[in-house]
Amino acid sequence: MKLATLTLVLAALANGAVADSHGNAYVHSREYKGVVYLMYQDHMSLYTYDKDKNGVSTCYDACAENWLPALLEKGTPLGENYTLIKRKDGTMQAAFRSQPLYLSSEDWNVGDMNGDGIDGVWHLARP
């Protein structure tokens, strides 16, 4: 992920706002290039991981370096179908319908969906 994009994402995470699927804050759904999917307000794609079950993230260490957890502050107001799950280190990760959300280090530009289908277990998050 480009440093400028990562900086924008981290700034958004620090502000800790999340919206419902209508999209008035940092996590929302939108149609872009004919595909409806979940993204941050800066329009970077969000992903889910098949190995995550029941609102528990299994992506740590090297995995979390390539798939950045969508971290938010505890107590962040969330829209419908969004929750926060607690990671092993105590940080809170955004989830949609109990699926933890991640950013891909392979996405460089707005609208990139390069993480979709990687290893058959990473999928573009869709509402």
C-alpha atoms as a PDB file:
ATOM      1  CA  MET A   1       0.000   0.000   0.000  1.00  0.00           C
ATOM      2  CA  LYS A   2       1.390   3.414  -0.884  1.00  0.00           C
ATOM      3  CA  LEU A   3       2.567   5.467   2.080  1.00  0.00           C
ATOM      4  CA  ALA A   4       0.146   8.313   1.265  1.00  0.00           C
ATOM      5  CA  THR A   5      -2.795   5.912   1.128  1.00  0.00           C
ATOM      6  CA  LEU A   6      -1.719   4.164   4.312  1.00  0.00           C
ATOM      7  CA  THR A   7      -1.427   7.556   6.023  1.00  0.00           C
ATOM      8  CA  LEU A   8      -4.992   8.436   4.978  1.00  0.00           C
ATOM      9  CA  VAL A   9      -6.290   5.094   6.221  1.00  0.00           C
ATOM     10  CA  LEU A  10      -4.490   5.440   9.543  1.00  0.00           C
ATOM     11  CA  ALA A  11      -5.855   8.970   9.946  1.00  0.00           C
ATOM     12  CA  ALA A  12      -9.356   7.644   9.318  1.00  0.00           C
ATOM     13  CA  LEU A  13      -8.824   4.879  11.848  1.00  0.00           C
ATOM     14  CA  ALA A  14      -7.561   7.354  14.429  1.00  0.00           C
ATOM     15  CA  ASN A  15     -10.770   9.369  14.059  1.00  0.00           C
ATOM     16  CA  GLY A  16     -12.711   6.187  14.774  1.00  0.00           C
ATOM     17  CA  ALA A  17     -15.925   6.888  12.893  1.00  0.00           C
ATOM     18  CA  VAL A  18     -17.848   4.186  11.064  1.00  0.00           C
ATOM     19  CA  ALA A  19     -21.093   4.523   9.155  1.00  0.00           C
ATOM     20  CA  ASP A  20     -23.900   2.300   8.095  1.00  0.00           C
ATOM     21  CA  SER A  21     -24.066   1.125   4.506  1.00  0.00           C
ATOM     22  CA  HIS A  22     -25.321   4.560   3.403  1.00  0.00           C
ATOM     23  CA  GLY A  23     -21.784   5.842   3.820  1.00  0.00           C
ATOM     24  CA  ASN A  24     -21.469   9.022   5.839  1.00  0.00           C
ATOM     25  CA  ALA A  25     -18.239   8.117   7.676  1.00  0.00           C
ATOM     26  CA  TYR A  26     -15.339   5.671   7.279  1.00  0.00           C
ATOM     27  CA  VAL A  27     -16.793   2.250   6.473  1.00  0.00           C
ATOM     28  CA  HIS A  28     -19.517   2.107   3.895  1.00  0.00           C
ATOM     29  CA  SER A  29     -20.700   0.348   0.768  1.00  0.00           C
ATOM     30  CA  ARG A  30     -20.589   1.920  -2.630  1.00  0.00           C
ATOM     31  CA  GLU A  31     -20.726   0.998  -6.266  1.00  0.00           C
ATOM     32  CA  TYR A  32     -17.475   1.602  -8.084  1.00  0.00           C
ATOM     33  CA  LYS A  33     -16.773   0.401 -11.612  1.00  0.00           C
ATOM     34  CA  GLY A  34     -19.956  -1.673 -11.512  1.00  0.00           C
ATOM     35  CA  VAL A  35     -19.110  -3.510  -8.268  1.00  0.00           C
ATOM     36  CA  VAL A  36     -20.789  -2.879  -4.897  1.00  0.00           C
ATOM     37  CA  TYR A  37     -18.441  -3.526  -1.979  1.00  0.00           C
ATOM     38  CA  LEU A  38     -17.342  -2.264   1.428  1.00  0.00           C
ATOM     39  CA  MET A  39     -14.649   0.365   1.572  1.00  0.00           C
ATOM     40  CA  TYR A  40     -13.200   3.131   3.665  1.00  0.00           C
ATOM     41  CA  GLN A  41     -14.250   6.685   2.924  1.00  0.00           C
ATOM     42  CA  ASP A  42     -11.042   7.086   0.958  1.00  0.00           C
ATOM     43  CA  HIS A  43     -12.512   4.288  -1.191  1.00  0.00           C
ATOM     44  CA  MET A  44      -9.902   1.640  -0.408  1.00  0.00           C
ATOM     45  CA  SER A  45     -11.395  -1.857  -0.637  1.00  0.00           C
ATOM     46  CA  LEU A  46     -12.098  -3.950   2.452  1.00  0.00           C
ATOM     47  CA  TYR A  47     -11.797  -7.737   2.585  1.00  0.00           C
ATOM     48  CA  THR A  48     -12.890 -10.738   4.628  1.00  0.00           C
ATOM     49  CA  TYR A  49     -10.883 -13.881   5.426  1.00  0.00           C
ATOM     50  CA  ASP A  50     -12.481 -17.351   5.258  1.00  0.00           C
ATOM     51  CA  LYS A  51     -10.453 -18.607   8.233  1.00  0.00           C
ATOM     52  CA  ASP A  52     -12.115 -16.036  10.530  1.00  0.00           C
ATOM     53  CA  LYS A  53     -15.113 -17.527  12.332  1.00  0.00           C
ATOM     54  CA  ASN A  54     -17.790 -16.137  14.672  1.00  0.00           C
ATOM     55  CA  GLY A  55     -16.340 -12.639  14.911  1.00  0.00           C
ATOM     56  CA  VAL A  56     -12.805 -13.812  15.729  1.00  0.00           C
ATOM     57  CA  SER A  57      -9.783 -12.704  13.690  1.00  0.00           C
ATOM     58  CA  THR A  58      -7.172 -15.347  12.923  1.00  0.00           C
ATOM     59  CA  CYS A  59      -4.926 -12.969  10.936  1.00  0.00           C
ATOM     60  CA  TYR A  60      -1.850 -12.024  12.986  1.00  0.00           C
ATOM     61  CA  ASP A  61       1.897 -11.535  12.527  1.00  0.00           C
ATOM     62  CA  ALA A  62       2.932 -11.862   8.843  1.00  0.00           C
ATOM     63  CA  CYS A  63      -0.715 -12.183   7.826  1.00  0.00           C
ATOM     64  CA  ALA A  64      -1.577  -8.844   9.465  1.00  0.00           C
ATOM     65  CA  GLU A  65       1.377  -7.177   7.719  1.00  0.00           C
ATOM     66  CA  ASN A  66      -0.145  -8.046   4.326  1.00  0.00           C
ATOM     67  CA  TRP A  67      -3.773  -7.752   5.420  1.00  0.00           C
ATOM     68  CA  LEU A  68      -4.088  -4.712   7.652  1.00  0.00           C
ATOM     69  CA  PRO A  69      -6.897  -5.112  10.210  1.00  0.00           C
ATOM     70  CA  ALA A  70      -9.449  -2.285  10.026  1.00  0.00           C
ATOM     71  CA  LEU A  71      -8.847  -1.027  13.573  1.00  0.00           C
ATOM     72  CA  LEU A  72     -11.151   1.409  15.342  1.00  0.00           C
ATOM     73  CA  GLU A  73     -11.401   2.899  18.815  1.00  0.00           C
ATOM     74  CA  LYS A  74     -13.417   1.001  21.428  1.00  0.00           C
ATOM     75  CA  GLY A  75     -16.859   2.587  21.707  1.00  0.00           C
ATOM     76  CA  THR A  76     -16.903   3.855  18.121  1.00  0.00           C
ATOM     77  CA  PRO A  77     -20.545   4.298  17.066  1.00  0.00           C
ATOM     78  CA  LEU A  78     -21.302   1.779  14.350  1.00  0.00           C
ATOM     79  CA  GLY A  79     -23.949   1.506  11.685  1.00  0.00           C
ATOM     80  CA  GLU A  80     -26.326  -1.384  11.196  1.00  0.00           C
ATOM     81  CA  ASN A  81     -24.591  -4.761  10.658  1.00  0.00           C
ATOM     82  CA  TYR A  82     -21.215  -3.381  11.875  1.00  0.00           C
ATOM     83  CA  THR A  83     -19.555  -4.454  15.124  1.00  0.00           C
ATOM     84  CA  LEU A  84     -16.177  -4.226  16.803  1.00  0.00           C
ATOM     85  CA  ILE A  85     -14.323  -7.404  17.680  1.00  0.00           C
ATOM     86  CA  LYS A  86     -11.461  -7.591  20.155  1.00  0.00           C
ATOM     87  CA  ARG A  87      -8.117  -8.796  18.815  1.00  0.00           C
ATOM     88  CA  LYS A  88      -5.565 -10.736  20.914  1.00  0.00           C
ATOM     89  CA  ASP A  89      -3.586  -7.529  21.529  1.00  0.00           C
ATOM     90  CA  GLY A  90      -6.684  -5.725  22.841  1.00  0.00           C
ATOM     91  CA  THR A  91      -7.212  -3.524  19.767  1.00  0.00           C
ATOM     92  CA  MET A  92     -10.671  -3.367  18.247  1.00  0.00           C
ATOM     93  CA  GLN A  93     -11.304  -4.391  14.639  1.00  0.00           C
ATOM     94  CA  ALA A  94     -14.288  -3.418  12.524  1.00  0.00           C
ATOM     95  CA  ALA A  95     -16.449  -6.296  11.366  1.00  0.00           C
ATOM     96  CA  PHE A  96     -19.430  -6.532   9.046  1.00  0.00           C
ATOM     97  CA  ARG A  97     -21.988  -9.200   9.953  1.00  0.00           C
ATOM     98  CA  SER A  98     -19.374 -10.678  12.334  1.00  0.00           C
ATOM     99  CA  GLN A  99     -16.723 -10.909   9.591  1.00  0.00           C
ATOM    100  CA  PRO A 100     -13.542  -8.981  10.527  1.00  0.00           C
ATOM    101  CA  LEU A 101     -12.519  -6.426   7.885  1.00  0.00           C
ATOM    102  CA  TYR A 102      -9.057  -5.929   6.383  1.00  0.00           C
ATOM    103  CA  LEU A 103      -7.212  -3.734   3.886  1.00  0.00           C
ATOM    104  CA  SER A 104      -4.924  -5.397   1.345  1.00  0.00           C
ATOM    105  CA  SER A 105      -1.292  -4.340   0.996  1.00  0.00           C
ATOM    106  CA  GLU A 106      -1.723  -5.155  -2.725  1.00  0.00           C
ATOM    107  CA  ASP A 107      -4.184  -2.298  -3.255  1.00  0.00           C
ATOM    108  CA  TRP A 108      -2.426   0.889  -4.312  1.00  0.00           C
ATOM    109  CA  ASN A 109      -5.183   3.047  -5.807  1.00  0.00           C
ATOM    110  CA  VAL A 110      -8.813   3.875  -5.193  1.00  0.00           C
ATOM    111  CA  GLY A 111     -10.949   1.106  -6.623  1.00  0.00           C
ATOM    112  CA  ASP A 112      -8.188  -1.536  -6.586  1.00  0.00           C
ATOM    113  CA  MET A 113      -9.524  -4.969  -5.677  1.00  0.00           C
ATOM    114  CA  ASN A 114      -6.256  -6.900  -6.022  1.00  0.00           C
ATOM    115  CA  GLY A 115      -6.841  -8.924  -2.859  1.00  0.00           C
ATOM    116  CA  ASP A 116     -10.083 -10.504  -4.066  1.00  0.00           C
ATOM    117  CA  GLY A 117      -9.675 -14.268  -4.360  1.00  0.00           C
ATOM    118  CA  ILE A 118      -6.073 -14.470  -3.108  1.00  0.00           C
ATOM    119  CA  ASP A 119      -5.301 -18.035  -1.999  1.00  0.00           C
ATOM    120  CA  GLY A 120      -9.026 -18.762  -2.358  1.00  0.00           C
ATOM    121  CA  VAL A 121      -9.636 -17.412   1.174  1.00  0.00           C
ATOM    122  CA  TRP A 122      -9.594 -13.599   0.816  1.00  0.00           C
ATOM    123  CA  HIS A 123     -12.724 -11.953  -0.569  1.00  0.00           C
ATOM    124  CA  LEU A 124     -13.862  -8.454  -1.328  1.00  0.00           C
ATOM    125  CA  ALA A 125     -16.279  -7.516   1.467  1.00  0.00           C
ATOM    126  CA  ARG A 126     -19.756  -7.053   0.051  1.00  0.00           C
ATOM    127  CA  PRO A 127     -22.941  -5.835   1.743  1.00  0.00           C
END
